Protein backbone atom coordinates (compact mmCIF):
# COMPACT_ATOMS: atom_id res chain seq x y z
CA GLY A 1 -64.53 35.01 -24.74
CA SER A 2 -63.53 37.87 -26.97
CA PHE A 3 -61.40 37.61 -30.11
CA SER A 4 -59.95 40.40 -32.25
CA ILE A 5 -57.92 40.62 -35.42
CA ILE A 6 -56.16 43.76 -36.59
CA LEU A 7 -56.25 44.14 -40.39
CA PRO A 8 -54.11 46.54 -42.44
CA LYS A 9 -55.75 49.31 -44.48
CA ARG A 10 -52.69 49.68 -46.73
CA ASP A 11 -50.12 47.38 -48.23
CA ASN A 12 -46.41 47.64 -47.43
CA SER A 13 -45.89 50.24 -50.18
CA GLY A 14 -48.61 52.47 -48.67
CA MET A 15 -51.30 51.73 -51.27
CA LYS A 16 -54.89 51.35 -50.01
CA ILE A 17 -56.14 47.74 -49.98
CA ASP A 18 -59.46 47.18 -51.78
CA ASN A 19 -62.20 47.03 -49.11
CA HIS A 20 -63.91 44.12 -50.82
CA LEU A 21 -60.95 41.85 -50.07
CA TYR A 22 -61.74 42.01 -46.33
CA GLN A 23 -65.31 40.81 -46.75
CA LYS A 24 -64.50 37.10 -47.06
CA TYR A 25 -62.65 37.14 -43.73
CA ILE A 26 -65.37 39.09 -41.95
CA LYS A 27 -68.03 36.75 -43.38
CA LYS A 28 -66.11 33.74 -42.02
CA ILE A 29 -65.83 35.42 -38.61
CA ASN A 30 -69.55 36.22 -38.65
CA ARG A 31 -70.44 32.63 -39.55
CA ASN A 32 -68.29 31.28 -36.72
CA PHE A 33 -69.41 33.71 -34.00
CA GLY A 34 -72.81 34.86 -35.26
CA GLY A 35 -71.59 38.42 -35.84
CA SER A 36 -68.75 40.87 -35.21
CA SER A 37 -67.99 44.52 -34.58
CA THR A 38 -65.62 46.55 -36.74
CA TYR A 39 -63.61 49.40 -35.26
CA PRO A 40 -62.66 51.42 -38.34
CA SER A 41 -59.54 53.14 -37.04
CA VAL A 42 -56.69 51.51 -35.15
CA LEU A 43 -53.19 52.89 -35.43
CA GLY A 44 -50.58 50.13 -35.30
CA CYS A 45 -47.10 51.22 -34.27
CA PHE A 46 -43.92 49.18 -34.19
CA LYS A 47 -40.16 49.62 -34.01
CA ASN A 48 -38.58 49.24 -37.43
CA LYS A 49 -35.56 46.96 -36.91
CA GLU A 50 -33.68 48.46 -39.86
CA THR A 51 -34.19 52.16 -39.13
CA LYS A 52 -34.51 51.75 -35.32
CA ARG A 53 -37.44 54.21 -35.50
CA THR A 54 -41.04 53.82 -34.44
CA GLU A 55 -43.37 53.62 -37.42
CA CYS A 56 -47.16 53.64 -37.46
CA GLU A 57 -49.66 52.43 -40.02
CA PRO A 58 -53.46 52.59 -40.35
CA ASN A 59 -55.41 49.45 -39.50
CA PHE A 60 -58.87 48.43 -38.38
CA GLU A 61 -60.07 45.89 -35.85
CA VAL A 62 -62.69 43.17 -36.18
CA LYS A 63 -63.89 41.88 -32.82
CA ALA A 64 -66.13 38.89 -32.13
CA PHE A 65 -67.49 37.40 -28.93
CA ARG A 66 -68.43 33.87 -27.98
CA ASP A 67 -71.84 34.10 -26.32
CA PHE A 68 -72.76 31.07 -24.22
CA SER A 69 -76.04 32.54 -22.92
CA ASP A 70 -78.12 30.45 -25.37
CA ALA A 71 -76.04 27.31 -24.80
CA PRO A 72 -77.51 24.32 -22.98
CA SER A 73 -77.39 24.88 -19.22
CA LYS A 74 -75.37 21.72 -18.71
CA LEU A 75 -72.46 23.04 -20.79
CA THR A 76 -69.51 22.66 -18.43
CA GLN A 77 -66.62 25.07 -17.99
CA GLU A 78 -64.39 22.47 -19.63
CA SER A 79 -66.72 22.31 -22.66
CA LYS A 80 -66.74 26.10 -22.90
CA LYS A 81 -62.94 26.13 -22.73
CA LYS A 82 -62.78 23.66 -25.64
CA VAL A 83 -65.06 25.90 -27.73
CA LEU A 84 -62.90 28.94 -26.94
CA ASN A 85 -59.72 27.05 -27.87
CA LYS A 86 -61.33 26.04 -31.17
CA ASP A 87 -62.32 29.69 -31.74
CA TYR A 88 -58.72 30.78 -31.13
CA LEU A 89 -57.41 28.28 -33.69
CA PHE A 90 -60.05 29.55 -36.12
CA MET A 91 -58.86 33.16 -35.63
CA GLN A 92 -55.23 32.07 -36.09
CA LYS A 93 -56.18 30.59 -39.47
CA ILE A 94 -57.99 33.79 -40.46
CA ALA A 95 -54.86 35.77 -39.50
CA LYS A 96 -52.57 33.44 -41.45
CA ASP A 97 -54.73 33.59 -44.58
CA ALA A 98 -55.26 37.36 -44.43
CA GLY A 99 -51.61 38.03 -43.63
CA ASN A 100 -50.48 35.99 -46.63
CA GLU A 101 -53.00 37.67 -48.93
CA PHE A 102 -52.08 41.18 -47.77
CA GLY A 103 -48.30 40.51 -47.70
CA GLN A 104 -47.84 41.16 -44.00
CA THR A 105 -44.87 40.00 -41.90
CA ALA A 106 -47.20 39.18 -38.99
CA MET A 107 -50.84 39.63 -37.99
CA LEU A 108 -52.12 40.50 -34.53
CA ILE A 109 -54.95 38.50 -33.00
CA ILE A 110 -56.11 38.98 -29.45
CA ARG A 111 -57.88 36.49 -27.20
CA ASP A 112 -59.45 37.76 -24.01
CA ASP A 113 -60.98 35.12 -21.76
CA ILE A 114 -63.53 37.41 -20.20
CA ASP A 115 -65.90 35.69 -17.81
CA GLU A 116 -69.23 36.77 -19.24
CA VAL A 117 -70.56 37.92 -22.59
CA SER A 118 -74.24 38.39 -23.32
CA TYR A 119 -76.38 40.16 -25.86
CA VAL A 120 -79.17 42.29 -24.42
CA LYS A 121 -82.38 41.84 -26.40
CA THR A 122 -83.90 45.07 -27.73
CA LYS A 123 -86.75 46.05 -30.03
CA ARG A 124 -86.10 45.23 -33.67
CA ARG A 125 -87.37 47.59 -36.37
CA LYS A 126 -87.64 46.59 -40.01
CA HIS A 127 -86.62 50.03 -41.32
CA LEU A 128 -84.81 53.05 -39.94
CA ASP A 129 -85.38 56.67 -40.90
CA GLN A 130 -83.77 57.65 -44.21
CA GLY A 131 -81.14 59.77 -42.43
CA LYS A 132 -79.82 56.65 -40.70
CA ILE A 133 -79.41 54.49 -43.81
CA TYR A 134 -76.37 54.24 -46.05
CA GLU A 135 -76.13 51.53 -48.69
CA ASP A 136 -72.52 50.46 -48.15
CA PHE A 137 -71.74 51.37 -44.55
CA PHE A 138 -68.63 49.18 -44.40
CA ASN A 139 -67.13 50.73 -47.54
CA ARG A 140 -67.82 54.23 -46.24
CA GLU A 141 -66.15 53.57 -42.87
CA ILE A 142 -63.13 51.48 -43.83
């Protein structure tokens, strides 16, 4: 399964939200799923009910996957479904907490019950070349 949450980059007055405030939510997501991917630019558009106009605001997406490839082979489809339902409730709580903290009317979470997710093992290196390293990659991108 795949789960995403769209987080706002700015508050409702247009002021940039401090990047460090997102970290606690991303850490919780990483603890639950073992990791996540952040897509630094997602434009969220909606119809403003008062002005009747379409408005857009800058957001970013955090996506996590439930990988069952290391799970015991006797894990049934029903057991997997229960785990995915628990994951969805977890993401709803993240959305509720983040939405309240950031003063949002609503928060978008997405659940995609894709059939298969797996991580392909590759060669791990302890260090990368200096040109590939940046101390605070998340802060630079978000």
